[in-house]
C-alpha atoms as a PDB file:
ATOM      1  CA  UNK A   1     -11.198 -13.955  -8.431  1.00  0.00           C
ATOM      2  CA  UNK A   2     -10.058 -10.982  -6.929  1.00  0.00           C
ATOM      3  CA  UNK A   3      -8.102  -8.285  -8.702  1.00  0.00           C
ATOM      4  CA  UNK A   4      -7.279  -5.551  -5.996  1.00  0.00           C
ATOM      5  CA  UNK A   5      -6.106  -2.156  -7.401  1.00  0.00           C
ATOM      6  CA  UNK A   6      -4.586   0.664  -5.650  1.00  0.00           C
ATOM      7  CA  UNK A   7      -5.343   4.461  -6.606  1.00  0.00           C
ATOM      8  CA  UNK A   8      -2.523   6.667  -5.880  1.00  0.00           C
ATOM      9  CA  UNK A   9      -4.612  10.153  -5.628  1.00  0.00           C
ATOM     10  CA  UNK A  10      -1.690  12.341  -5.723  1.00  0.00           C
ATOM     11  CA  UNK A  11      -1.677  11.393  -9.694  1.00  0.00           C
ATOM     12  CA  UNK A  12      -4.222  14.328  -9.745  1.00  0.00           C
ATOM     13  CA  UNK A  13      -1.304  16.814  -9.195  1.00  0.00           C
ATOM     14  CA  UNK A  14       1.081  15.629 -12.110  1.00  0.00           C
ATOM     15  CA  UNK A  15       2.149  18.437 -13.941  1.00  0.00           C
ATOM     16  CA  UNK A  16       1.888  16.444 -17.152  1.00  0.00           C
ATOM     17  CA  UNK A  17      -0.739  13.847 -18.203  1.00  0.00           C
ATOM     18  CA  UNK A  18      -2.572  13.737 -14.615  1.00  0.00           C
ATOM     19  CA  UNK A  19      -4.573  10.680 -13.902  1.00  0.00           C
ATOM     20  CA  UNK A  20      -8.004  11.537 -12.685  1.00  0.00           C
ATOM     21  CA  UNK A  21     -10.711   9.256 -11.128  1.00  0.00           C
ATOM     22  CA  UNK A  22     -12.654   9.593 -14.551  1.00  0.00           C
ATOM     23  CA  UNK A  23      -9.644   7.722 -16.114  1.00  0.00           C
ATOM     24  CA  UNK A  24      -9.983   4.620 -14.050  1.00  0.00           C
ATOM     25  CA  UNK A  25     -11.551   1.635 -15.825  1.00  0.00           C
ATOM     26  CA  UNK A  26     -14.104   0.482 -13.088  1.00  0.00           C
ATOM     27  CA  UNK A  27     -14.166  -2.973 -14.973  1.00  0.00           C
ATOM     28  CA  UNK A  28     -10.462  -3.768 -14.767  1.00  0.00           C
ATOM     29  CA  UNK A  29     -10.525  -4.442 -11.007  1.00  0.00           C
ATOM     30  CA  UNK A  30     -12.779  -6.175  -8.506  1.00  0.00           C
ATOM     31  CA  UNK A  31     -11.649  -3.987  -5.547  1.00  0.00           C
ATOM     32  CA  UNK A  32     -10.078  -0.557  -5.777  1.00  0.00           C
ATOM     33  CA  UNK A  33      -8.338   1.194  -2.617  1.00  0.00           C
ATOM     34  CA  UNK A  34      -8.112   4.783  -2.396  1.00  0.00           C
ATOM     35  CA  UNK A  35      -4.823   5.864  -1.319  1.00  0.00           C
ATOM     36  CA  UNK A  36      -4.731   7.278   1.392  1.00  0.00           C
ATOM     37  CA  UNK A  37      -6.568   8.462   4.589  1.00  0.00           C
ATOM     38  CA  UNK A  38      -4.541   9.046   7.900  1.00  0.00           C
ATOM     39  CA  UNK A  39      -4.693   9.121  11.567  1.00  0.00           C
ATOM     40  CA  UNK A  40      -4.711  12.464  13.097  1.00  0.00           C
ATOM     41  CA  UNK A  41      -1.673  12.549  15.537  1.00  0.00           C
ATOM     42  CA  UNK A  42      -3.714  14.362  18.311  1.00  0.00           C
ATOM     43  CA  UNK A  43      -6.973  12.676  18.715  1.00  0.00           C
ATOM     44  CA  UNK A  44      -6.039   9.276  16.800  1.00  0.00           C
ATOM     45  CA  UNK A  45      -9.101   9.494  14.616  1.00  0.00           C
ATOM     46  CA  UNK A  46      -9.276   8.442  11.073  1.00  0.00           C
ATOM     47  CA  UNK A  47      -9.265  11.672   8.771  1.00  0.00           C
ATOM     48  CA  UNK A  48      -9.107  12.947   5.152  1.00  0.00           C
ATOM     49  CA  UNK A  49      -5.546  13.151   3.950  1.00  0.00           C
ATOM     50  CA  UNK A  50      -6.027  16.048   1.376  1.00  0.00           C
ATOM     51  CA  UNK A  51      -8.991  17.896   1.986  1.00  0.00           C
ATOM     52  CA  UNK A  52      -8.934  20.074  -0.914  1.00  0.00           C
ATOM     53  CA  UNK A  53      -8.980  16.996  -3.330  1.00  0.00           C
ATOM     54  CA  UNK A  54     -10.805  14.436  -1.276  1.00  0.00           C
ATOM     55  CA  UNK A  55     -13.357  15.834   0.682  1.00  0.00           C
ATOM     56  CA  UNK A  56     -16.890  17.502   0.148  1.00  0.00           C
ATOM     57  CA  UNK A  57     -17.226  20.095   2.548  1.00  0.00           C
ATOM     58  CA  UNK A  58     -16.427  23.269   0.626  1.00  0.00           C
ATOM     59  CA  UNK A  59     -17.617  24.136  -2.829  1.00  0.00           C
ATOM     60  CA  UNK A  60     -13.884  24.616  -4.151  1.00  0.00           C
ATOM     61  CA  UNK A  61     -13.090  20.905  -3.088  1.00  0.00           C
ATOM     62  CA  UNK A  62     -12.559  18.337  -5.762  1.00  0.00           C
ATOM     63  CA  UNK A  63     -14.818  15.740  -3.980  1.00  0.00           C
ATOM     64  CA  UNK A  64     -12.552  12.768  -5.119  1.00  0.00           C
ATOM     65  CA  UNK A  65     -13.987  10.498  -2.515  1.00  0.00           C
ATOM     66  CA  UNK A  66     -17.607  10.844  -3.827  1.00  0.00           C
ATOM     67  CA  UNK A  67     -16.134  10.803  -7.621  1.00  0.00           C
ATOM     68  CA  UNK A  68     -14.403   7.683  -6.709  1.00  0.00           C
ATOM     69  CA  UNK A  69     -17.320   5.802  -5.084  1.00  0.00           C
ATOM     70  CA  UNK A  70     -19.466   6.976  -8.083  1.00  0.00           C
ATOM     71  CA  UNK A  71     -17.450   4.400 -10.190  1.00  0.00           C
ATOM     72  CA  UNK A  72     -19.867   1.674  -8.648  1.00  0.00           C
ATOM     73  CA  UNK A  73     -22.773   3.262 -10.792  1.00  0.00           C
ATOM     74  CA  UNK A  74     -20.641   2.117 -13.824  1.00  0.00           C
ATOM     75  CA  UNK A  75     -19.821  -1.217 -12.280  1.00  0.00           C
ATOM     76  CA  UNK A  76     -22.130  -2.208  -9.542  1.00  0.00           C
ATOM     77  CA  UNK A  77     -20.036  -5.233  -8.690  1.00  0.00           C
ATOM     78  CA  UNK A  78     -16.989  -2.920  -7.884  1.00  0.00           C
ATOM     79  CA  UNK A  79     -15.890  -2.697  -4.431  1.00  0.00           C
ATOM     80  CA  UNK A  80     -14.357   0.588  -3.308  1.00  0.00           C
ATOM     81  CA  UNK A  81     -12.033   0.938  -0.416  1.00  0.00           C
ATOM     82  CA  UNK A  82     -10.191   3.724   1.838  1.00  0.00           C
ATOM     83  CA  UNK A  83      -6.590   2.666   2.330  1.00  0.00           C
ATOM     84  CA  UNK A  84      -5.242   3.974   5.603  1.00  0.00           C
ATOM     85  CA  UNK A  85      -1.582   5.039   6.241  1.00  0.00           C
ATOM     86  CA  UNK A  86       1.034   3.994   3.732  1.00  0.00           C
ATOM     87  CA  UNK A  87       5.056   4.287   3.884  1.00  0.00           C
ATOM     88  CA  UNK A  88       5.084   8.136   4.384  1.00  0.00           C
ATOM     89  CA  UNK A  89       2.560   7.708   7.306  1.00  0.00           C
ATOM     90  CA  UNK A  90       5.325   5.997   9.418  1.00  0.00           C
ATOM     91  CA  UNK A  91       4.549   3.933  12.427  1.00  0.00           C
ATOM     92  CA  UNK A  92       4.786   5.496  15.656  1.00  0.00           C
ATOM     93  CA  UNK A  93       1.031   6.991  15.731  1.00  0.00           C
ATOM     94  CA  UNK A  94      -0.222   3.451  14.807  1.00  0.00           C
ATOM     95  CA  UNK A  95       1.701   1.848  17.617  1.00  0.00           C
ATOM     96  CA  UNK A  96       0.487   4.636  19.953  1.00  0.00           C
ATOM     97  CA  UNK A  97      -3.137   3.876  19.205  1.00  0.00           C
ATOM     98  CA  UNK A  98      -3.124   0.413  18.911  1.00  0.00           C
ATOM     99  CA  UNK A  99      -1.463  -0.091  22.587  1.00  0.00           C
ATOM    100  CA  UNK A 100      -4.205   1.926  24.283  1.00  0.00           C
ATOM    101  CA  UNK A 101      -7.742   0.270  24.522  1.00  0.00           C
ATOM    102  CA  UNK A 102      -9.262   3.801  25.048  1.00  0.00           C
ATOM    103  CA  UNK A 103      -7.591   5.092  21.836  1.00  0.00           C
ATOM    104  CA  UNK A 104      -8.603   2.139  19.775  1.00  0.00           C
ATOM    105  CA  UNK A 105     -12.134   2.525  20.591  1.00  0.00           C
ATOM    106  CA  UNK A 106     -12.024   6.113  19.717  1.00  0.00           C
ATOM    107  CA  UNK A 107     -10.336   5.231  16.440  1.00  0.00           C
ATOM    108  CA  UNK A 108     -12.776   2.383  15.319  1.00  0.00           C
ATOM    109  CA  UNK A 109     -15.740   4.466  15.969  1.00  0.00           C
ATOM    110  CA  UNK A 110     -14.472   7.320  13.812  1.00  0.00           C
ATOM    111  CA  UNK A 111     -13.682   4.682  11.117  1.00  0.00           C
ATOM    112  CA  UNK A 112     -17.270   3.640  11.232  1.00  0.00           C
ATOM    113  CA  UNK A 113     -18.464   7.430  10.970  1.00  0.00           C
ATOM    114  CA  UNK A 114     -15.824   7.933   8.233  1.00  0.00           C
ATOM    115  CA  UNK A 115     -17.012   4.929   6.069  1.00  0.00           C
ATOM    116  CA  UNK A 116     -20.821   6.049   6.557  1.00  0.00           C
ATOM    117  CA  UNK A 117     -20.078   9.543   5.933  1.00  0.00           C
ATOM    118  CA  UNK A 118     -18.007   8.929   2.737  1.00  0.00           C
ATOM    119  CA  UNK A 119     -19.794   5.721   1.384  1.00  0.00           C
ATOM    120  CA  UNK A 120     -16.803   3.418   1.111  1.00  0.00           C
ATOM    121  CA  UNK A 121     -17.300  -0.480   1.465  1.00  0.00           C
ATOM    122  CA  UNK A 122     -14.476  -1.012   3.902  1.00  0.00           C
ATOM    123  CA  UNK A 123     -10.893  -0.179   5.125  1.00  0.00           C
ATOM    124  CA  UNK A 124      -7.521  -1.398   4.093  1.00  0.00           C
ATOM    125  CA  UNK A 125      -5.084  -1.097   6.928  1.00  0.00           C
ATOM    126  CA  UNK A 126      -1.533  -0.065   5.726  1.00  0.00           C
ATOM    127  CA  UNK A 127       0.303   0.219   8.797  1.00  0.00           C
ATOM    128  CA  UNK A 128       3.818   0.115   7.872  1.00  0.00           C
ATOM    129  CA  UNK A 129       4.860  -1.682  10.017  1.00  0.00           C
ATOM    130  CA  UNK A 130       3.998  -2.896  13.467  1.00  0.00           C
ATOM    131  CA  UNK A 131       7.175  -3.410  15.733  1.00  0.00           C
ATOM    132  CA  UNK A 132       9.255  -1.379  13.022  1.00  0.00           C
ATOM    133  CA  UNK A 133       9.916   2.165  12.035  1.00  0.00           C
ATOM    134  CA  UNK A 134       9.593   3.510  15.591  1.00  0.00           C
ATOM    135  CA  UNK A 135       6.774   1.077  16.525  1.00  0.00           C
ATOM    136  CA  UNK A 136       6.665  -0.601  19.733  1.00  0.00           C
ATOM    137  CA  UNK A 137       8.906  -3.883  19.383  1.00  0.00           C
ATOM    138  CA  UNK A 138       7.611  -5.778  22.260  1.00  0.00           C
ATOM    139  CA  UNK A 139       3.800  -5.456  22.050  1.00  0.00           C
ATOM    140  CA  UNK A 140       2.760  -4.142  18.435  1.00  0.00           C
ATOM    141  CA  UNK A 141       2.443  -7.553  16.968  1.00  0.00           C
ATOM    142  CA  UNK A 142      -0.340  -8.450  19.728  1.00  0.00           C
ATOM    143  CA  UNK A 143      -1.772  -4.861  19.508  1.00  0.00           C
ATOM    144  CA  UNK A 144      -2.376  -5.058  15.668  1.00  0.00           C
ATOM    145  CA  UNK A 145      -4.209  -8.075  16.253  1.00  0.00           C
ATOM    146  CA  UNK A 146      -6.386  -6.398  19.001  1.00  0.00           C
ATOM    147  CA  UNK A 147      -6.916  -3.587  16.756  1.00  0.00           C
ATOM    148  CA  UNK A 148      -8.006  -5.879  13.796  1.00  0.00           C
ATOM    149  CA  UNK A 149     -10.132  -7.773  16.046  1.00  0.00           C
ATOM    150  CA  UNK A 150     -12.104  -4.513  17.272  1.00  0.00           C
ATOM    151  CA  UNK A 151     -12.689  -3.178  13.698  1.00  0.00           C
ATOM    152  CA  UNK A 152     -14.003  -6.552  12.599  1.00  0.00           C
ATOM    153  CA  UNK A 153     -16.431  -6.706  15.355  1.00  0.00           C
ATOM    154  CA  UNK A 154     -17.644  -3.133  14.567  1.00  0.00           C
ATOM    155  CA  UNK A 155     -17.799  -3.691  10.769  1.00  0.00           C
ATOM    156  CA  UNK A 156     -19.922  -6.796  10.980  1.00  0.00           C
ATOM    157  CA  UNK A 157     -23.506  -5.119  11.397  1.00  0.00           C
ATOM    158  CA  UNK A 158     -22.480  -2.901   8.470  1.00  0.00           C
ATOM    159  CA  UNK A 159     -21.104  -5.541   6.211  1.00  0.00           C
ATOM    160  CA  UNK A 160     -17.818  -3.472   5.651  1.00  0.00           C
ATOM    161  CA  UNK A 161     -14.625  -5.212   4.377  1.00  0.00           C
ATOM    162  CA  UNK A 162     -11.266  -5.208   6.421  1.00  0.00           C
ATOM    163  CA  UNK A 163      -8.180  -5.973   4.543  1.00  0.00           C
ATOM    164  CA  UNK A 164      -4.539  -4.929   5.067  1.00  0.00           C
ATOM    165  CA  UNK A 165      -1.597  -4.205   3.053  1.00  0.00           C
ATOM    166  CA  UNK A 166       1.453  -6.633   4.526  1.00  0.00           C
ATOM    167  CA  UNK A 167       5.169  -6.453   4.179  1.00  0.00           C
ATOM    168  CA  UNK A 168       7.051  -8.647   1.567  1.00  0.00           C
ATOM    169  CA  UNK A 169      10.060  -8.848   3.954  1.00  0.00           C
ATOM    170  CA  UNK A 170      10.767 -11.896   5.974  1.00  0.00           C
ATOM    171  CA  UNK A 171      12.398  -9.997   9.240  1.00  0.00           C
ATOM    172  CA  UNK A 172       9.428  -7.603   9.033  1.00  0.00           C
ATOM    173  CA  UNK A 173       6.867 -10.579   8.899  1.00  0.00           C
ATOM    174  CA  UNK A 174       8.403 -12.313  11.786  1.00  0.00           C
ATOM    175  CA  UNK A 175       8.150  -9.276  13.929  1.00  0.00           C
ATOM    176  CA  UNK A 176       5.036  -7.554  12.711  1.00  0.00           C
ATOM    177  CA  UNK A 177       2.489 -10.421  11.929  1.00  0.00           C
ATOM    178  CA  UNK A 178       0.694 -13.170  13.724  1.00  0.00           C
ATOM    179  CA  UNK A 179      -0.302 -14.784  10.551  1.00  0.00           C
ATOM    180  CA  UNK A 180      -2.801 -17.450  11.636  1.00  0.00           C
ATOM    181  CA  UNK A 181      -4.864 -14.537  13.446  1.00  0.00           C
ATOM    182  CA  UNK A 182      -4.699 -12.338  10.335  1.00  0.00           C
ATOM    183  CA  UNK A 183      -6.191 -15.245   8.467  1.00  0.00           C
ATOM    184  CA  UNK A 184      -9.151 -15.124  11.292  1.00  0.00           C
ATOM    185  CA  UNK A 185      -9.658 -11.488  10.984  1.00  0.00           C
ATOM    186  CA  UNK A 186      -8.795 -10.283   7.357  1.00  0.00           C
ATOM    187  CA  UNK A 187     -11.161 -10.572   4.457  1.00  0.00           C
ATOM    188  CA  UNK A 188      -7.991 -10.061   2.102  1.00  0.00           C
ATOM    189  CA  UNK A 189      -4.560 -10.043   2.668  1.00  0.00           C
ATOM    190  CA  UNK A 190      -2.715  -7.681   0.066  1.00  0.00           C
ATOM    191  CA  UNK A 191       0.890  -8.669   0.372  1.00  0.00           C
ATOM    192  CA  UNK A 192       3.056  -6.074  -1.114  1.00  0.00           C
ATOM    193  CA  UNK A 193       5.591  -8.228  -3.352  1.00  0.00           C
ATOM    194  CA  UNK A 194       7.162  -5.147  -4.793  1.00  0.00           C
ATOM    195  CA  UNK A 195       9.949  -2.539  -3.631  1.00  0.00           C
ATOM    196  CA  UNK A 196      12.362  -5.156  -2.874  1.00  0.00           C
ATOM    197  CA  UNK A 197      15.077  -2.981  -4.538  1.00  0.00           C
ATOM    198  CA  UNK A 198      15.396   0.582  -5.369  1.00  0.00           C
ATOM    199  CA  UNK A 199      17.402   3.892  -5.148  1.00  0.00           C
ATOM    200  CA  UNK A 200      17.769   3.749  -1.288  1.00  0.00           C
ATOM    201  CA  UNK A 201      20.466   0.863  -2.286  1.00  0.00           C
ATOM    202  CA  UNK A 202      23.723   1.691  -3.866  1.00  0.00           C
ATOM    203  CA  UNK A 203      23.163  -1.144  -6.451  1.00  0.00           C
ATOM    204  CA  UNK A 204      20.856  -1.962  -9.147  1.00  0.00           C
ATOM    205  CA  UNK A 205      18.090  -4.543  -8.560  1.00  0.00           C
ATOM    206  CA  UNK A 206      14.813  -5.900  -9.522  1.00  0.00           C
ATOM    207  CA  UNK A 207      11.693  -4.022  -8.105  1.00  0.00           C
ATOM    208  CA  UNK A 208       9.943  -7.280  -7.838  1.00  0.00           C
ATOM    209  CA  UNK A 209      12.087 -10.052  -8.628  1.00  0.00           C
ATOM    210  CA  UNK A 210      10.237 -13.266  -9.209  1.00  0.00           C
ATOM    211  CA  UNK A 211      12.941 -15.896  -8.115  1.00  0.00           C
ATOM    212  CA  UNK A 212      16.307 -15.578  -6.653  1.00  0.00           C
ATOM    213  CA  UNK A 213      19.155 -15.570  -9.223  1.00  0.00           C
ATOM    214  CA  UNK A 214      21.855 -18.250  -9.457  1.00  0.00           C
ATOM    215  CA  UNK A 215      24.504 -15.833  -8.566  1.00  0.00           C
ATOM    216  CA  UNK A 216      22.782 -14.678  -5.500  1.00  0.00           C
ATOM    217  CA  UNK A 217      23.951 -16.306  -2.262  1.00  0.00           C
ATOM    218  CA  UNK A 218      23.344 -14.235   0.712  1.00  0.00           C
ATOM    219  CA  UNK A 219      20.320 -14.307   3.092  1.00  0.00           C
ATOM    220  CA  UNK A 220      18.864 -10.993   1.991  1.00  0.00           C
ATOM    221  CA  UNK A 221      18.677 -12.123  -1.675  1.00  0.00           C
ATOM    222  CA  UNK A 222      17.240 -15.301  -0.752  1.00  0.00           C
ATOM    223  CA  UNK A 223      14.323 -13.809   0.981  1.00  0.00           C
ATOM    224  CA  UNK A 224      13.776 -10.693  -1.155  1.00  0.00           C
ATOM    225  CA  UNK A 225      11.946 -12.146  -4.051  1.00  0.00           C
ATOM    226  CA  UNK A 226       8.207 -12.582  -4.798  1.00  0.00           C
ATOM    227  CA  UNK A 227       8.371 -16.540  -4.795  1.00  0.00           C
ATOM    228  CA  UNK A 228      10.094 -16.648  -1.555  1.00  0.00           C
ATOM    229  CA  UNK A 229       7.650 -14.098   0.152  1.00  0.00           C
ATOM    230  CA  UNK A 230       4.374 -16.016  -1.035  1.00  0.00           C
ATOM    231  CA  UNK A 231       5.802 -19.468   0.203  1.00  0.00           C
ATOM    232  CA  UNK A 232       6.804 -17.992   3.390  1.00  0.00           C
ATOM    233  CA  UNK A 233       3.229 -16.561   4.273  1.00  0.00           C
ATOM    234  CA  UNK A 234       2.006 -20.204   3.324  1.00  0.00           C
ATOM    235  CA  UNK A 235       4.363 -21.756   5.348  1.00  0.00           C
ATOM    236  CA  UNK A 236       3.199 -19.343   8.248  1.00  0.00           C
ATOM    237  CA  UNK A 237      -0.150 -20.575   7.942  1.00  0.00           C
ATOM    238  CA  UNK A 238      -1.658 -17.839   5.538  1.00  0.00           C
ATOM    239  CA  UNK A 239      -4.770 -18.897   3.759  1.00  0.00           C
ATOM    240  CA  UNK A 240      -3.938 -18.648  -0.193  1.00  0.00           C
ATOM    241  CA  UNK A 241      -7.697 -18.102  -0.842  1.00  0.00           C
ATOM    242  CA  UNK A 242      -7.227 -14.615   1.268  1.00  0.00           C
ATOM    243  CA  UNK A 243      -4.057 -13.782  -0.314  1.00  0.00           C
ATOM    244  CA  UNK A 244      -3.261 -11.477  -3.344  1.00  0.00           C
ATOM    245  CA  UNK A 245       0.063 -11.051  -4.709  1.00  0.00           C
ATOM    246  CA  UNK A 246       1.092  -7.686  -5.515  1.00  0.00           C
ATOM    247  CA  UNK A 247       2.385  -6.306  -8.783  1.00  0.00           C
ATOM    248  CA  UNK A 248       4.264  -3.192  -9.447  1.00  0.00           C
ATOM    249  CA  UNK A 249       2.985  -1.226 -12.400  1.00  0.00           C
ATOM    250  CA  UNK A 250       5.870   1.408 -11.987  1.00  0.00           C
ATOM    251  CA  UNK A 251       9.707   1.136 -12.146  1.00  0.00           C
ATOM    252  CA  UNK A 252      12.422   1.938  -9.499  1.00  0.00           C
ATOM    253  CA  UNK A 253      15.182   3.813 -11.140  1.00  0.00           C
ATOM    254  CA  UNK A 254      18.868   4.814 -10.062  1.00  0.00           C
ATOM    255  CA  UNK A 255      21.369   7.322 -11.131  1.00  0.00           C
ATOM    256  CA  UNK A 256      24.579   5.263 -12.607  1.00  0.00           C
ATOM    257  CA  UNK A 257      27.866   5.599 -11.586  1.00  0.00           C
ATOM    258  CA  UNK A 258      28.737   5.331 -15.381  1.00  0.00           C
ATOM    259  CA  UNK A 259      27.197   4.377 -18.786  1.00  0.00           C
ATOM    260  CA  UNK A 260      28.518   0.895 -18.613  1.00  0.00           C
ATOM    261  CA  UNK A 261      27.375  -0.159 -15.090  1.00  0.00           C
ATOM    262  CA  UNK A 262      23.791  -1.243 -16.023  1.00  0.00           C
ATOM    263  CA  UNK A 263      23.677  -4.735 -14.995  1.00  0.00           C
ATOM    264  CA  UNK A 264      21.981  -6.217 -11.771  1.00  0.00           C
ATOM    265  CA  UNK A 265      24.131  -5.838  -8.908  1.00  0.00           C
ATOM    266  CA  UNK A 266      26.141  -3.076 -10.391  1.00  0.00           C
ATOM    267  CA  UNK A 267      27.061  -0.179  -8.131  1.00  0.00           C
ATOM    268  CA  UNK A 268      24.900   2.955  -8.465  1.00  0.00           C
ATOM    269  CA  UNK A 269      24.856   6.582  -7.082  1.00  0.00           C
ATOM    270  CA  UNK A 270      21.460   6.187  -5.546  1.00  0.00           C
ATOM    271  CA  UNK A 271      17.827   7.551  -6.569  1.00  0.00           C
ATOM    272  CA  UNK A 272      17.393   8.871 -10.196  1.00  0.00           C
ATOM    273  CA  UNK A 273      16.081  12.285 -10.422  1.00  0.00           C
ATOM    274  CA  UNK A 274      12.405  12.812 -10.497  1.00  0.00           C
ATOM    275  CA  UNK A 275      10.407  11.282 -12.999  1.00  0.00           C
ATOM    276  CA  UNK A 276       9.180  14.072 -15.556  1.00  0.00           C
ATOM    277  CA  UNK A 277       5.423  13.056 -15.026  1.00  0.00           C
ATOM    278  CA  UNK A 278       5.550  11.735 -11.417  1.00  0.00           C
ATOM    279  CA  UNK A 279       7.964  14.174  -9.945  1.00  0.00           C
ATOM    280  CA  UNK A 280       9.065  11.800  -7.500  1.00  0.00           C
ATOM    281  CA  UNK A 281      12.951  10.475  -7.161  1.00  0.00           C
ATOM    282  CA  UNK A 282      13.606   7.035  -8.012  1.00  0.00           C
ATOM    283  CA  UNK A 283      10.391   6.191  -9.628  1.00  0.00           C
ATOM    284  CA  UNK A 284       9.175   6.056 -13.169  1.00  0.00           C
ATOM    285  CA  UNK A 285       5.468   5.402 -13.529  1.00  0.00           C
ATOM    286  CA  UNK A 286       4.142   3.253 -16.393  1.00  0.00           C
ATOM    287  CA  UNK A 287       3.184   5.945 -18.689  1.00  0.00           C
ATOM    288  CA  UNK A 288       6.924   7.521 -18.028  1.00  0.00           C
ATOM    289  CA  UNK A 289       8.570   4.163 -18.974  1.00  0.00           C
ATOM    290  CA  UNK A 290       6.436   4.035 -21.976  1.00  0.00           C
ATOM    291  CA  UNK A 291       7.437   7.542 -23.201  1.00  0.00           C
ATOM    292  CA  UNK A 292      11.170   6.560 -22.421  1.00  0.00           C
ATOM    293  CA  UNK A 293      10.896   3.651 -24.299  1.00  0.00           C
ATOM    294  CA  UNK A 294       9.097   5.364 -27.224  1.00  0.00           C
ATOM    295  CA  UNK A 295      11.871   8.029 -27.359  1.00  0.00           C
ATOM    296  CA  UNK A 296      14.618   5.286 -27.360  1.00  0.00           C
ATOM    297  CA  UNK A 297      13.006   3.557 -30.424  1.00  0.00           C
ATOM    298  CA  UNK A 298      12.557   6.801 -32.522  1.00  0.00           C
END
C-alpha cells in the first residue's frame, strides 16, 4: 500500500497558524513529496525554489530540506521525495529542455547532484503539462518519455525513485502522455484527481467530483470526475499497481453572485477572496474550512 502526500512548503509563511515541517506526522504517509524545486531558465539545471527556506548554505537559512529528510529518523520506512515543477512553473522551459538532448543531459546530471547534496530518495516530475500551456504540441509527448528514460537510467545505480504527477483531464492526457511508456519508466503515477472545478470558472462545481451527476450531459462533465479519469488511465493501459489516486485536502471557493445562488452549476463571480490563513484567492485549506464550520455552528 502507498499513501503519497504532498507538502506545500509555502505553508511556512502563513500569517496565522503556519504549518512547519515539524508538524508533519511522519507515520501518516509512506511517501512525502516536498513541493517544490524548479528549473533554472538559463542553464536548465534543477535548483532550490526558495533559498531562504529550503537551503543550508547560509546560517540564516531555515534548512527545510534537511529538516524534511530528517523525518526519516522518526520513521525509517518513510520515503522523502523532491517534487519538481508545479502549476506556477509553467511548461515552456520544460519543453525547451526536454527537446534538446544536450540540455536533457545537463538537467539529468544536475538532478543526481541535487539528490545527493540534499539527501532525497527520488524525484517527482510535476511538468504541467507536456504539449500544453506553451509547450511544443508536436514533440513534447515523445520528449517527455525521452527525459524520463534518461532519468530512470541515471537513477538506477543510486536506487532513486522516479515518479510523476499526471493530469486528470482527458484532453491533456491525450496530448501529453504515452501511457504504456509511463508504466515502464515510472515507479509511481500520481494522478491529480482534483481541481476539476474552481474560481477560474463562472459556475460552482466540485473540486473533486467522484462521479458525473445525472443532470450533466456535456462532454466536459462526462470527463471531469474522478471515476472517469481513473478508468480512462486504465483503459489506456496504465498499471493500477503503479497508480495513486489524488485526494484534495482543501476546498475551492467562489465569490457568489447572490446569497441564494449556492447550488452546483449556479453562476458565480469568480474566485473568493483570499483565505485568512492561506492568503490565496479561491482556496480554503482544511484548517480554514474547519474554522469556518466551527464559527457557523457557534
